[in-house]
């Protein structure tokens, strides 16, 4: 079996990355792609405007978590020079993880048993802010999960090599002051090969690099029961 098949075969009801007091019945999909015309109605360069948009979306839907974004083509990143390029082919605007939009300080859980591989405060504008990467092994396959946009306190007392159990609280969500200037959300990403990266890995890619990153990442919805 491939790693994708192994993850797809897991009992999805046992895999959580957010506070388990929030039922998955309170999750709702959200479209943040460049095709969503609602995103033309507010200033997408403003984290505050984003927070209002997300909160209104959840309130109008009577839900608590909005999710989506794997391989989604977005305009959001045009606000940051960190992702920009002079050519469309090299513009980094395709999202490689799953975003789960919910309030700051929400508990973040380890998706699987593993160890802390690395952590870092990625401080570029529009970057992850505080980030934790866990290393896991399933049926002899090594892979990694990345948790981005955390609170700064989440990386104060963590140690490389520290053991974690599935469901352990490993962090809390950060707000726009520390998380790269976004409305609060978790960027959750499953990565096959970290390519030597420490505390960071590309969460957005260009059209030119999409084929590689689509092979090196896995749709997190497969393990969270959101498909």
N, C-alpha and C. Protein backbone atom coordinates (compact mmCIF):
# COMPACT_ATOMS: atom_id res chain seq x y z
N UNK A 1 0.84 -1.20 0.00
CA UNK A 1 0.00 0.00 0.00
C UNK A 1 0.87 1.26 0.00
N UNK A 2 0.41 2.28 -0.67
CA UNK A 2 1.10 3.56 -0.62
C UNK A 2 0.72 4.30 0.66
N UNK A 3 1.49 5.34 0.98
CA UNK A 3 1.15 6.15 2.15
C UNK A 3 -0.23 6.77 1.98
N UNK A 4 -0.56 7.22 0.78
CA UNK A 4 -1.90 7.78 0.55
C UNK A 4 -2.98 6.77 0.88
N UNK A 5 -2.79 5.51 0.45
CA UNK A 5 -3.78 4.47 0.70
C UNK A 5 -3.88 4.14 2.18
N UNK A 6 -2.73 4.12 2.87
CA UNK A 6 -2.74 3.84 4.31
C UNK A 6 -3.52 4.92 5.05
N UNK A 7 -3.25 6.17 4.74
CA UNK A 7 -3.95 7.27 5.41
C UNK A 7 -5.43 7.25 5.08
N UNK A 8 -5.76 6.92 3.84
CA UNK A 8 -7.16 6.88 3.42
C UNK A 8 -7.93 5.78 4.12
N UNK A 9 -7.21 4.72 4.54
CA UNK A 9 -7.87 3.57 5.17
C UNK A 9 -8.05 3.73 6.67
N UNK A 10 -7.49 4.78 7.25
CA UNK A 10 -7.58 4.97 8.70
C UNK A 10 -9.02 5.23 9.13
N UNK A 11 -9.29 4.93 10.40
CA UNK A 11 -10.58 5.28 10.98
C UNK A 11 -10.62 6.79 11.17
N UNK A 12 -11.27 7.47 10.25
CA UNK A 12 -11.22 8.92 10.24
C UNK A 12 -11.84 9.54 11.48
N UNK A 13 -12.74 8.83 12.13
CA UNK A 13 -13.42 9.40 13.30
C UNK A 13 -12.46 9.61 14.46
N UNK A 14 -11.25 9.04 14.39
CA UNK A 14 -10.29 9.16 15.49
C UNK A 14 -9.19 10.17 15.22
N UNK A 15 -9.20 10.80 14.06
CA UNK A 15 -8.15 11.74 13.70
C UNK A 15 -8.69 13.16 13.80
N UNK A 16 -8.15 13.90 14.75
CA UNK A 16 -8.54 15.29 14.96
C UNK A 16 -7.29 16.16 15.05
N UNK A 17 -7.38 17.39 14.59
CA UNK A 17 -6.30 18.34 14.79
C UNK A 17 -6.77 19.59 15.53
N UNK A 18 -8.08 19.68 15.77
CA UNK A 18 -8.65 20.78 16.56
C UNK A 18 -9.32 20.22 17.80
N UNK A 19 -9.48 21.06 18.79
CA UNK A 19 -10.21 20.76 20.02
C UNK A 19 -11.40 19.83 19.74
N UNK A 20 -11.40 18.65 20.37
CA UNK A 20 -12.43 17.65 20.07
C UNK A 20 -13.80 18.01 20.62
N UNK A 21 -13.89 19.07 21.41
CA UNK A 21 -15.23 19.50 21.84
C UNK A 21 -16.00 20.14 20.69
N UNK A 22 -15.29 20.45 19.59
CA UNK A 22 -15.94 20.97 18.39
C UNK A 22 -16.24 19.78 17.47
N UNK A 23 -17.50 19.42 17.35
CA UNK A 23 -17.89 18.30 16.51
C UNK A 23 -17.64 18.62 15.04
N UNK A 24 -17.29 17.61 14.26
CA UNK A 24 -17.12 17.83 12.82
C UNK A 24 -18.44 18.20 12.16
N UNK A 25 -19.56 17.99 12.85
CA UNK A 25 -20.85 18.45 12.34
C UNK A 25 -20.91 19.98 12.32
N UNK A 26 -20.01 20.60 13.10
CA UNK A 26 -19.95 22.06 13.14
C UNK A 26 -18.89 22.63 12.21
N UNK A 27 -18.38 21.80 11.29
CA UNK A 27 -17.44 22.24 10.26
C UNK A 27 -18.22 22.53 8.97
N UNK A 28 -17.74 23.49 8.22
CA UNK A 28 -18.35 23.78 6.91
C UNK A 28 -17.25 24.15 5.92
N UNK A 29 -17.38 23.67 4.70
CA UNK A 29 -16.40 23.99 3.66
C UNK A 29 -16.53 25.46 3.26
N UNK A 30 -15.41 26.05 2.89
CA UNK A 30 -15.39 27.44 2.43
C UNK A 30 -14.51 27.54 1.19
N UNK A 31 -14.93 28.34 0.24
CA UNK A 31 -14.20 28.55 -1.01
C UNK A 31 -13.47 29.89 -0.93
N UNK A 32 -12.15 29.85 -0.90
CA UNK A 32 -11.35 31.07 -0.90
C UNK A 32 -10.52 31.18 -2.17
N UNK A 33 -10.99 30.55 -3.23
CA UNK A 33 -10.27 30.57 -4.50
C UNK A 33 -10.48 31.90 -5.22
N UNK A 34 -9.70 32.13 -6.24
CA UNK A 34 -9.81 33.36 -7.02
C UNK A 34 -11.15 33.46 -7.75
N UNK A 35 -11.89 32.34 -7.85
CA UNK A 35 -13.19 32.36 -8.50
C UNK A 35 -14.32 32.87 -7.60
N UNK A 36 -14.06 32.97 -6.29
CA UNK A 36 -15.09 33.40 -5.34
C UNK A 36 -15.25 34.93 -5.43
N UNK A 37 -16.35 35.36 -6.01
CA UNK A 37 -16.56 36.79 -6.24
C UNK A 37 -16.81 37.56 -4.94
N UNK A 38 -17.18 36.86 -3.86
CA UNK A 38 -17.35 37.53 -2.57
C UNK A 38 -16.05 38.19 -2.11
N UNK A 39 -14.93 37.63 -2.54
CA UNK A 39 -13.64 38.15 -2.10
C UNK A 39 -13.28 39.47 -2.77
N UNK A 40 -14.11 39.89 -3.73
CA UNK A 40 -13.91 41.19 -4.37
C UNK A 40 -14.63 42.30 -3.60
N UNK A 41 -15.38 41.92 -2.56
CA UNK A 41 -16.24 42.87 -1.85
C UNK A 41 -15.59 43.43 -0.59
N UNK A 42 -14.37 43.00 -0.27
CA UNK A 42 -13.67 43.55 0.88
C UNK A 42 -12.18 43.60 0.60
N UNK A 43 -11.46 44.25 1.47
CA UNK A 43 -10.01 44.45 1.29
C UNK A 43 -9.27 43.18 1.71
N UNK A 44 -8.88 42.36 0.75
CA UNK A 44 -8.25 41.08 1.07
C UNK A 44 -6.84 41.24 1.61
N UNK A 45 -6.31 42.46 1.60
CA UNK A 45 -5.00 42.69 2.20
C UNK A 45 -5.09 42.92 3.71
N UNK A 46 -6.32 43.03 4.23
CA UNK A 46 -6.54 43.33 5.65
C UNK A 46 -6.92 42.07 6.42
N UNK A 47 -6.11 41.70 7.41
CA UNK A 47 -6.45 40.53 8.23
C UNK A 47 -7.74 40.76 9.01
N UNK A 48 -7.99 42.00 9.41
CA UNK A 48 -9.23 42.31 10.13
C UNK A 48 -10.44 42.09 9.24
N UNK A 49 -10.35 42.54 7.99
CA UNK A 49 -11.45 42.33 7.05
C UNK A 49 -11.68 40.85 6.81
N UNK A 50 -10.60 40.09 6.72
CA UNK A 50 -10.72 38.63 6.58
C UNK A 50 -11.42 38.02 7.79
N UNK A 51 -11.05 38.46 8.97
CA UNK A 51 -11.66 37.91 10.18
C UNK A 51 -13.16 38.19 10.21
N UNK A 52 -13.55 39.38 9.82
CA UNK A 52 -14.98 39.72 9.76
C UNK A 52 -15.69 38.83 8.74
N UNK A 53 -15.07 38.65 7.58
CA UNK A 53 -15.67 37.81 6.53
C UNK A 53 -15.84 36.36 7.01
N UNK A 54 -14.80 35.80 7.61
CA UNK A 54 -14.87 34.42 8.10
C UNK A 54 -15.91 34.29 9.21
N UNK A 55 -15.90 35.22 10.15
CA UNK A 55 -16.86 35.15 11.27
C UNK A 55 -18.29 35.27 10.78
N UNK A 56 -18.54 36.14 9.81
CA UNK A 56 -19.89 36.27 9.25
C UNK A 56 -20.30 35.00 8.52
N UNK A 57 -19.36 34.41 7.81
CA UNK A 57 -19.64 33.16 7.09
C UNK A 57 -20.05 32.06 8.07
N UNK A 58 -19.31 31.94 9.17
CA UNK A 58 -19.63 30.92 10.18
C UNK A 58 -20.96 31.23 10.87
N UNK A 59 -21.17 32.48 11.22
CA UNK A 59 -22.40 32.85 11.92
C UNK A 59 -23.62 32.60 11.03
N UNK A 60 -23.53 32.97 9.77
CA UNK A 60 -24.65 32.78 8.85
C UNK A 60 -24.92 31.31 8.56
N UNK A 61 -23.89 30.48 8.72
CA UNK A 61 -24.03 29.04 8.49
C UNK A 61 -24.33 28.27 9.77
N UNK A 62 -24.29 28.97 10.91
CA UNK A 62 -24.45 28.35 12.23
C UNK A 62 -23.43 27.22 12.43
N UNK A 63 -22.17 27.50 12.06
CA UNK A 63 -21.07 26.55 12.21
C UNK A 63 -19.95 27.19 13.00
N UNK A 64 -18.95 26.37 13.39
CA UNK A 64 -17.86 26.85 14.23
C UNK A 64 -16.49 26.84 13.55
N UNK A 65 -16.34 26.02 12.52
CA UNK A 65 -15.06 25.90 11.82
C UNK A 65 -15.32 25.92 10.31
N UNK A 66 -14.60 26.76 9.59
CA UNK A 66 -14.64 26.74 8.13
C UNK A 66 -13.34 26.11 7.64
N UNK A 67 -13.44 25.23 6.66
CA UNK A 67 -12.24 24.51 6.21
C UNK A 67 -12.16 24.47 4.69
N UNK A 68 -10.95 24.29 4.21
CA UNK A 68 -10.74 24.10 2.78
C UNK A 68 -9.37 24.59 2.36
N UNK A 69 -9.14 24.51 1.05
CA UNK A 69 -7.94 25.14 0.51
C UNK A 69 -6.89 24.25 -0.09
N UNK A 70 -7.02 22.90 -0.01
CA UNK A 70 -5.95 22.07 -0.56
C UNK A 70 -5.93 22.20 -2.08
N UNK A 71 -4.78 22.61 -2.61
CA UNK A 71 -4.53 22.87 -4.03
C UNK A 71 -5.46 23.94 -4.60
N UNK A 72 -5.92 24.83 -3.73
CA UNK A 72 -6.78 25.93 -4.15
C UNK A 72 -5.94 27.08 -4.71
N UNK A 73 -6.36 27.61 -5.85
CA UNK A 73 -5.67 28.73 -6.49
C UNK A 73 -6.25 30.02 -5.91
N UNK A 74 -5.42 30.81 -5.21
CA UNK A 74 -5.90 31.96 -4.45
C UNK A 74 -5.23 33.26 -4.90
N UNK A 75 -5.98 34.36 -4.72
CA UNK A 75 -5.41 35.69 -4.93
C UNK A 75 -4.88 36.30 -3.64
N UNK A 76 -5.19 35.69 -2.52
CA UNK A 76 -4.85 36.23 -1.20
C UNK A 76 -3.37 36.60 -1.08
N UNK A 77 -2.50 35.80 -1.69
CA UNK A 77 -1.06 35.95 -1.45
C UNK A 77 -0.44 37.10 -2.24
N UNK A 78 -1.21 37.73 -3.10
CA UNK A 78 -0.69 38.86 -3.87
C UNK A 78 -0.34 40.04 -2.97
N UNK A 79 -0.88 40.06 -1.75
CA UNK A 79 -0.61 41.17 -0.83
C UNK A 79 0.82 41.13 -0.28
N UNK A 80 1.49 39.98 -0.39
CA UNK A 80 2.79 39.80 0.25
C UNK A 80 3.91 39.58 -0.76
N UNK A 81 4.97 40.38 -0.65
CA UNK A 81 6.13 40.21 -1.53
C UNK A 81 6.78 38.85 -1.34
N UNK A 82 6.52 38.21 -0.20
CA UNK A 82 7.11 36.90 0.10
C UNK A 82 6.70 35.85 -0.93
N UNK A 83 5.51 36.03 -1.53
CA UNK A 83 5.00 35.04 -2.49
C UNK A 83 5.06 35.53 -3.93
N UNK A 84 5.44 36.77 -4.15
CA UNK A 84 5.26 37.38 -5.47
C UNK A 84 6.38 37.03 -6.43
N UNK A 85 6.06 37.19 -7.72
CA UNK A 85 7.03 36.98 -8.79
C UNK A 85 6.63 37.85 -9.96
N UNK A 86 7.57 38.12 -10.83
CA UNK A 86 7.27 38.96 -11.99
C UNK A 86 6.53 38.19 -13.07
N UNK A 87 6.53 36.87 -13.01
CA UNK A 87 5.83 36.06 -14.01
C UNK A 87 4.74 35.23 -13.35
N UNK A 88 3.63 35.05 -14.07
CA UNK A 88 2.50 34.29 -13.55
C UNK A 88 2.91 32.85 -13.23
N UNK A 89 3.77 32.28 -14.08
CA UNK A 89 4.18 30.88 -13.89
C UNK A 89 4.89 30.67 -12.57
N UNK A 90 5.62 31.69 -12.11
CA UNK A 90 6.39 31.57 -10.88
C UNK A 90 5.70 32.17 -9.66
N UNK A 91 4.52 32.73 -9.85
CA UNK A 91 3.76 33.32 -8.75
C UNK A 91 3.28 32.21 -7.82
N UNK A 92 3.61 32.34 -6.53
CA UNK A 92 3.20 31.31 -5.57
C UNK A 92 1.80 31.63 -5.07
N UNK A 93 0.81 30.89 -5.57
CA UNK A 93 -0.58 31.18 -5.23
C UNK A 93 -1.46 29.94 -5.15
N UNK A 94 -0.85 28.77 -5.12
CA UNK A 94 -1.62 27.52 -4.99
C UNK A 94 -1.34 26.94 -3.61
N UNK A 95 -2.39 26.77 -2.84
CA UNK A 95 -2.28 26.42 -1.42
C UNK A 95 -2.10 24.91 -1.25
N UNK A 96 -1.15 24.51 -0.40
CA UNK A 96 -0.74 23.10 -0.30
C UNK A 96 -1.21 22.39 0.97
N UNK A 97 -1.94 23.08 1.82
CA UNK A 97 -2.44 22.45 3.04
C UNK A 97 -3.94 22.63 3.15
N UNK A 98 -4.46 22.26 4.31
CA UNK A 98 -5.87 22.50 4.63
C UNK A 98 -5.92 23.60 5.68
N UNK A 99 -6.70 24.63 5.42
CA UNK A 99 -6.92 25.69 6.41
C UNK A 99 -8.18 25.39 7.20
N UNK A 100 -8.09 25.54 8.52
CA UNK A 100 -9.25 25.39 9.40
C UNK A 100 -9.39 26.71 10.16
N UNK A 101 -10.42 27.47 9.81
CA UNK A 101 -10.62 28.83 10.33
C UNK A 101 -11.50 28.77 11.57
N UNK A 102 -10.96 29.22 12.69
CA UNK A 102 -11.68 29.20 13.97
C UNK A 102 -10.96 30.16 14.92
N UNK A 103 -11.48 30.38 16.12
CA UNK A 103 -10.93 31.44 16.97
C UNK A 103 -9.49 31.21 17.44
N UNK A 104 -8.78 32.30 17.65
CA UNK A 104 -7.46 32.24 18.29
C UNK A 104 -7.58 31.55 19.63
N UNK A 105 -6.51 30.87 20.01
CA UNK A 105 -6.38 30.10 21.26
C UNK A 105 -7.10 28.75 21.22
N UNK A 106 -7.72 28.39 20.10
CA UNK A 106 -8.26 27.03 19.96
C UNK A 106 -7.12 26.02 20.10
N UNK A 107 -7.37 24.94 20.85
CA UNK A 107 -6.34 23.91 21.02
C UNK A 107 -6.08 23.17 19.71
N UNK A 108 -4.80 22.90 19.46
CA UNK A 108 -4.35 22.15 18.29
C UNK A 108 -3.80 20.81 18.76
N UNK A 109 -4.21 19.73 18.09
CA UNK A 109 -3.88 18.37 18.52
C UNK A 109 -2.96 17.69 17.51
N UNK A 110 -2.13 16.78 18.02
CA UNK A 110 -1.30 15.95 17.15
C UNK A 110 -2.19 14.96 16.40
N UNK A 111 -2.02 14.90 15.09
CA UNK A 111 -2.86 14.01 14.28
C UNK A 111 -2.51 12.54 14.49
N UNK A 112 -1.24 12.25 14.79
CA UNK A 112 -0.75 10.88 14.95
C UNK A 112 0.30 10.83 16.05
N UNK A 113 0.60 9.63 16.53
CA UNK A 113 1.77 9.45 17.38
C UNK A 113 3.01 9.89 16.60
N UNK A 114 3.98 10.43 17.32
CA UNK A 114 5.21 10.82 16.64
C UNK A 114 6.16 11.56 17.55
N UNK A 115 7.07 12.30 16.95
CA UNK A 115 8.02 13.12 17.70
C UNK A 115 8.06 14.51 17.07
N UNK A 116 8.48 15.47 17.88
CA UNK A 116 8.68 16.82 17.35
C UNK A 116 9.92 16.82 16.46
N UNK A 117 9.73 17.08 15.20
CA UNK A 117 10.85 17.16 14.27
C UNK A 117 11.55 18.51 14.39
N UNK A 118 10.75 19.59 14.40
CA UNK A 118 11.32 20.94 14.44
C UNK A 118 10.22 21.95 14.69
N UNK A 119 10.63 23.16 14.99
CA UNK A 119 9.68 24.26 15.17
C UNK A 119 10.41 25.57 14.90
N UNK A 120 9.63 26.61 14.59
CA UNK A 120 10.25 27.88 14.21
C UNK A 120 9.18 28.96 14.17
N UNK A 121 9.58 30.18 14.45
CA UNK A 121 8.71 31.33 14.23
C UNK A 121 9.07 31.93 12.88
N UNK A 122 8.24 31.67 11.87
CA UNK A 122 8.48 32.14 10.51
C UNK A 122 7.84 33.53 10.36
N UNK A 123 8.66 34.56 10.46
CA UNK A 123 8.16 35.91 10.73
C UNK A 123 7.94 36.78 9.49
N UNK A 124 8.17 36.26 8.28
CA UNK A 124 7.88 37.06 7.09
C UNK A 124 6.40 37.45 7.06
N UNK A 125 6.10 38.62 6.51
CA UNK A 125 4.71 39.03 6.35
C UNK A 125 4.00 38.02 5.44
N UNK A 126 2.89 37.47 5.93
CA UNK A 126 2.15 36.48 5.17
C UNK A 126 2.66 35.06 5.34
N UNK A 127 3.67 34.87 6.18
CA UNK A 127 4.23 33.53 6.43
C UNK A 127 3.42 32.83 7.53
N UNK A 128 3.95 31.71 8.05
CA UNK A 128 3.23 30.90 9.03
C UNK A 128 3.20 31.49 10.44
N UNK A 129 4.15 32.38 10.77
CA UNK A 129 4.34 32.68 12.18
C UNK A 129 4.84 31.41 12.88
N UNK A 130 4.53 31.23 14.17
CA UNK A 130 4.99 30.04 14.89
C UNK A 130 4.46 28.76 14.25
N UNK A 131 5.37 27.80 14.08
CA UNK A 131 5.10 26.58 13.32
C UNK A 131 5.72 25.38 14.02
N UNK A 132 4.99 24.26 14.03
CA UNK A 132 5.51 23.00 14.57
C UNK A 132 5.40 21.93 13.49
N UNK A 133 6.46 21.14 13.34
CA UNK A 133 6.45 20.00 12.43
C UNK A 133 6.68 18.72 13.25
N UNK A 134 5.78 17.76 13.09
CA UNK A 134 5.91 16.46 13.74
C UNK A 134 6.31 15.40 12.72
N UNK A 135 7.10 14.44 13.18
CA UNK A 135 7.52 13.31 12.34
C UNK A 135 6.78 12.06 12.78
N UNK A 136 6.29 11.29 11.80
CA UNK A 136 5.49 10.10 12.10
C UNK A 136 5.98 8.92 11.25
N UNK A 137 5.67 7.72 11.71
CA UNK A 137 5.92 6.52 10.92
C UNK A 137 4.69 5.62 10.97
N UNK A 138 4.19 5.23 9.81
CA UNK A 138 3.08 4.29 9.70
C UNK A 138 3.47 3.22 8.70
N UNK A 139 3.49 1.96 9.16
CA UNK A 139 3.81 0.82 8.29
C UNK A 139 5.09 1.09 7.47
N UNK A 140 6.11 1.55 8.18
CA UNK A 140 7.44 1.81 7.62
C UNK A 140 7.51 3.04 6.70
N UNK A 141 6.42 3.78 6.59
CA UNK A 141 6.46 5.04 5.85
C UNK A 141 6.70 6.19 6.82
N UNK A 142 7.76 6.96 6.59
CA UNK A 142 7.99 8.17 7.38
C UNK A 142 7.33 9.34 6.66
N UNK A 143 6.65 10.18 7.42
CA UNK A 143 6.04 11.38 6.86
C UNK A 143 5.92 12.43 7.96
N UNK A 144 5.42 13.60 7.60
CA UNK A 144 5.43 14.74 8.51
C UNK A 144 4.09 15.47 8.47
N UNK A 145 3.72 16.05 9.62
CA UNK A 145 2.58 16.96 9.64
C UNK A 145 3.06 18.32 10.13
N UNK A 146 2.58 19.35 9.45
CA UNK A 146 2.96 20.73 9.76
C UNK A 146 1.75 21.48 10.28
N UNK A 147 1.97 22.24 11.36
CA UNK A 147 0.91 23.02 12.00
C UNK A 147 1.37 24.48 12.03
N UNK A 148 0.74 25.33 11.24
CA UNK A 148 1.18 26.71 11.11
C UNK A 148 0.16 27.71 11.61
N UNK A 149 0.64 28.94 11.88
CA UNK A 149 -0.17 30.06 12.38
C UNK A 149 -0.56 29.87 13.84
N UNK A 150 0.39 29.41 14.63
CA UNK A 150 0.15 29.12 16.05
C UNK A 150 0.42 30.35 16.91
N UNK A 151 0.10 30.23 18.20
CA UNK A 151 0.46 31.29 19.15
C UNK A 151 1.96 31.21 19.43
N UNK A 152 2.54 32.32 19.82
CA UNK A 152 3.98 32.31 20.12
C UNK A 152 4.28 31.43 21.33
N UNK A 153 3.37 31.39 22.30
CA UNK A 153 3.58 30.56 23.48
C UNK A 153 3.66 29.08 23.13
N UNK A 154 3.10 28.70 21.98
CA UNK A 154 3.09 27.29 21.59
C UNK A 154 4.48 26.73 21.35
N UNK A 155 5.45 27.59 21.05
CA UNK A 155 6.80 27.08 20.78
C UNK A 155 7.78 27.46 21.89
N UNK A 156 7.26 27.96 23.00
CA UNK A 156 8.15 28.38 24.09
C UNK A 156 8.80 27.21 24.82
N UNK A 157 8.05 26.13 25.02
CA UNK A 157 8.54 25.04 25.87
C UNK A 157 8.63 23.70 25.15
N UNK A 158 8.51 23.71 23.85
CA UNK A 158 8.56 22.47 23.08
C UNK A 158 10.03 22.11 22.80
N UNK A 159 10.31 20.82 22.62
CA UNK A 159 11.68 20.37 22.37
C UNK A 159 11.74 19.42 21.18
N UNK A 160 12.76 19.57 20.37
CA UNK A 160 13.00 18.63 19.27
C UNK A 160 13.19 17.24 19.85
N UNK A 161 12.56 16.24 19.25
CA UNK A 161 12.65 14.87 19.72
C UNK A 161 11.62 14.51 20.77
N UNK A 162 10.87 15.48 21.22
CA UNK A 162 9.83 15.24 22.23
C UNK A 162 8.77 14.31 21.67
N UNK A 163 8.40 13.27 22.43
CA UNK A 163 7.37 12.33 22.00
C UNK A 163 5.98 12.95 22.13
N UNK A 164 5.13 12.67 21.17
CA UNK A 164 3.74 13.10 21.24
C UNK A 164 2.85 11.91 20.90
N UNK A 165 1.68 11.89 21.50
CA UNK A 165 0.68 10.88 21.22
C UNK A 165 -0.45 11.50 20.40
N UNK A 166 -1.07 10.68 19.59
CA UNK A 166 -2.22 11.15 18.83
C UNK A 166 -3.24 11.78 19.77
N UNK A 167 -3.68 12.99 19.46
CA UNK A 167 -4.67 13.67 20.28
C UNK A 167 -4.09 14.56 21.36
N UNK A 168 -2.76 14.50 21.58
CA UNK A 168 -2.15 15.42 22.54
C UNK A 168 -2.33 16.87 22.09
N UNK A 169 -2.59 17.76 23.05
CA UNK A 169 -2.60 19.19 22.74
C UNK A 169 -1.15 19.64 22.57
N UNK A 170 -0.82 20.11 21.38
CA UNK A 170 0.57 20.52 21.10
C UNK A 170 0.71 22.03 20.95
N UNK A 171 -0.42 22.75 20.83
CA UNK A 171 -0.33 24.19 20.56
C UNK A 171 -1.71 24.82 20.68
N UNK A 172 -1.71 26.14 20.51
CA UNK A 172 -2.95 26.90 20.37
C UNK A 172 -2.80 27.82 19.15
N UNK A 173 -3.94 28.18 18.57
CA UNK A 173 -3.91 29.08 17.43
C UNK A 173 -3.49 30.48 17.83
N UNK A 174 -2.74 31.13 16.95
CA UNK A 174 -2.35 32.51 17.18
C UNK A 174 -3.30 33.49 16.51
N UNK A 175 -3.18 34.76 16.87
CA UNK A 175 -3.97 35.79 16.21
C UNK A 175 -3.10 36.53 15.19
N UNK A 176 -3.69 37.54 14.56
CA UNK A 176 -3.00 38.23 13.46
C UNK A 176 -1.72 38.92 13.89
N UNK A 177 -1.57 39.20 15.16
CA UNK A 177 -0.35 39.87 15.64
C UNK A 177 0.88 38.98 15.55
N UNK A 178 0.69 37.66 15.53
CA UNK A 178 1.83 36.75 15.54
C UNK A 178 1.80 35.71 14.42
N UNK A 179 0.66 35.54 13.74
CA UNK A 179 0.49 34.39 12.85
C UNK A 179 0.77 34.68 11.38
N UNK A 180 1.49 35.76 11.10
CA UNK A 180 1.75 36.13 9.71
C UNK A 180 0.78 37.15 9.18
N UNK A 181 -0.09 37.65 10.05
CA UNK A 181 -1.11 38.65 9.72
C UNK A 181 -2.25 38.04 8.91
N UNK A 182 -2.89 37.05 9.52
CA UNK A 182 -4.08 36.41 8.96
C UNK A 182 -5.19 36.38 10.01
N UNK A 183 -6.43 36.23 9.55
CA UNK A 183 -7.49 35.84 10.46
C UNK A 183 -7.08 34.51 11.08
N UNK A 184 -7.42 34.25 12.35
CA UNK A 184 -6.96 33.02 13.01
C UNK A 184 -7.38 31.76 12.25
N UNK A 185 -6.42 30.90 12.02
CA UNK A 185 -6.71 29.61 11.40
C UNK A 185 -5.49 28.70 11.54
N UNK A 186 -5.74 27.41 11.43
CA UNK A 186 -4.66 26.43 11.39
C UNK A 186 -4.36 26.07 9.95
N UNK A 187 -3.10 26.16 9.57
CA UNK A 187 -2.64 25.58 8.31
C UNK A 187 -2.10 24.20 8.65
N UNK A 188 -2.80 23.16 8.19
CA UNK A 188 -2.42 21.77 8.47
C UNK A 188 -2.00 21.12 7.17
N UNK A 189 -0.79 20.56 7.17
CA UNK A 189 -0.23 20.03 5.93
C UNK A 189 0.42 18.67 6.19
N UNK A 190 0.22 17.74 5.28
CA UNK A 190 0.84 16.41 5.34
C UNK A 190 1.90 16.34 4.25
N UNK A 191 3.13 16.04 4.65
CA UNK A 191 4.29 16.13 3.75
C UNK A 191 5.02 14.79 3.75
N UNK A 192 5.34 14.30 2.57
CA UNK A 192 6.09 13.04 2.47
C UNK A 192 7.58 13.25 2.70
N UNK A 193 8.16 14.23 2.06
CA UNK A 193 9.61 14.49 2.14
C UNK A 193 9.81 15.97 2.45
N UNK A 194 10.41 16.25 3.60
CA UNK A 194 10.63 17.64 4.01
C UNK A 194 11.76 18.33 3.25
N UNK A 195 12.51 17.57 2.48
CA UNK A 195 13.60 18.12 1.67
C UNK A 195 14.62 18.89 2.51
N UNK A 196 14.84 18.41 3.73
CA UNK A 196 15.84 19.02 4.59
C UNK A 196 15.40 20.27 5.31
N UNK A 197 14.15 20.66 5.18
CA UNK A 197 13.66 21.88 5.83
C UNK A 197 13.53 21.68 7.33
N UNK A 198 13.70 22.76 8.08
CA UNK A 198 13.62 22.76 9.54
C UNK A 198 12.61 23.82 9.98
N UNK A 199 11.54 23.40 10.62
CA UNK A 199 10.56 24.34 11.15
C UNK A 199 9.77 25.09 10.10
N UNK A 200 9.85 24.65 8.87
CA UNK A 200 9.21 25.37 7.76
C UNK A 200 9.13 24.43 6.57
N UNK A 201 8.11 24.62 5.74
CA UNK A 201 8.02 23.94 4.45
C UNK A 201 7.01 24.72 3.61
N UNK A 202 7.23 24.75 2.32
CA UNK A 202 6.36 25.53 1.45
C UNK A 202 4.90 25.15 1.65
N UNK A 203 4.08 26.15 1.95
CA UNK A 203 2.64 25.94 2.08
C UNK A 203 1.87 26.47 0.89
N UNK A 204 2.61 27.11 -0.01
CA UNK A 204 2.04 27.69 -1.23
C UNK A 204 3.05 27.48 -2.34
N UNK A 205 2.58 27.11 -3.53
CA UNK A 205 3.52 26.89 -4.63
C UNK A 205 3.03 27.59 -5.90
N UNK A 206 3.88 27.58 -6.89
CA UNK A 206 3.55 28.16 -8.20
C UNK A 206 2.98 27.08 -9.11
N UNK A 207 2.36 27.53 -10.19
CA UNK A 207 1.86 26.59 -11.21
C UNK A 207 3.01 25.74 -11.73
N UNK A 208 4.17 26.35 -11.89
CA UNK A 208 5.34 25.64 -12.43
C UNK A 208 5.73 24.46 -11.56
N UNK A 209 5.59 24.60 -10.23
CA UNK A 209 6.02 23.56 -9.30
C UNK A 209 4.88 22.68 -8.79
N UNK A 210 3.68 22.88 -9.31
CA UNK A 210 2.51 22.20 -8.76
C UNK A 210 2.61 20.68 -8.85
N UNK A 211 3.09 20.16 -9.96
CA UNK A 211 3.14 18.71 -10.13
C UNK A 211 3.96 18.06 -9.02
N UNK A 212 5.12 18.65 -8.70
CA UNK A 212 5.95 18.08 -7.63
C UNK A 212 5.24 18.15 -6.29
N UNK A 213 4.73 19.33 -5.93
CA UNK A 213 4.15 19.49 -4.60
C UNK A 213 2.85 18.71 -4.44
N UNK A 214 2.11 18.51 -5.52
CA UNK A 214 0.90 17.70 -5.44
C UNK A 214 1.24 16.24 -5.15
N UNK A 215 2.43 15.80 -5.56
CA UNK A 215 2.89 14.44 -5.26
C UNK A 215 3.49 14.35 -3.86
N UNK A 216 4.09 15.43 -3.38
CA UNK A 216 4.82 15.40 -2.10
C UNK A 216 3.94 15.77 -0.91
N UNK A 217 2.71 16.18 -1.16
CA UNK A 217 1.76 16.47 -0.09
C UNK A 217 0.53 15.61 -0.29
N UNK A 218 -0.26 15.49 0.77
CA UNK A 218 -1.47 14.66 0.74
C UNK A 218 -2.64 15.50 1.22
N UNK A 219 -3.79 15.33 0.60
CA UNK A 219 -4.98 16.08 0.98
C UNK A 219 -5.38 15.72 2.41
N UNK A 220 -5.28 16.66 3.36
CA UNK A 220 -5.60 16.34 4.76
C UNK A 220 -7.05 15.94 4.99
N UNK A 221 -7.94 16.29 4.08
CA UNK A 221 -9.34 15.91 4.26
C UNK A 221 -9.50 14.40 4.32
N UNK A 222 -8.55 13.66 3.71
CA UNK A 222 -8.63 12.20 3.71
C UNK A 222 -8.63 11.62 5.11
N UNK A 223 -7.87 12.23 6.02
CA UNK A 223 -7.75 11.66 7.37
C UNK A 223 -8.70 12.30 8.37
N UNK A 224 -9.30 13.43 8.00
CA UNK A 224 -10.15 14.15 8.94
C UNK A 224 -11.63 13.89 8.72
N UNK A 225 -11.96 13.01 7.78
CA UNK A 225 -13.36 12.69 7.53
C UNK A 225 -14.13 13.84 6.93
N UNK A 226 -13.47 14.68 6.15
CA UNK A 226 -14.11 15.87 5.59
C UNK A 226 -14.32 15.75 4.09
N UNK A 227 -14.31 14.52 3.57
CA UNK A 227 -14.56 14.31 2.14
C UNK A 227 -15.83 13.51 1.96
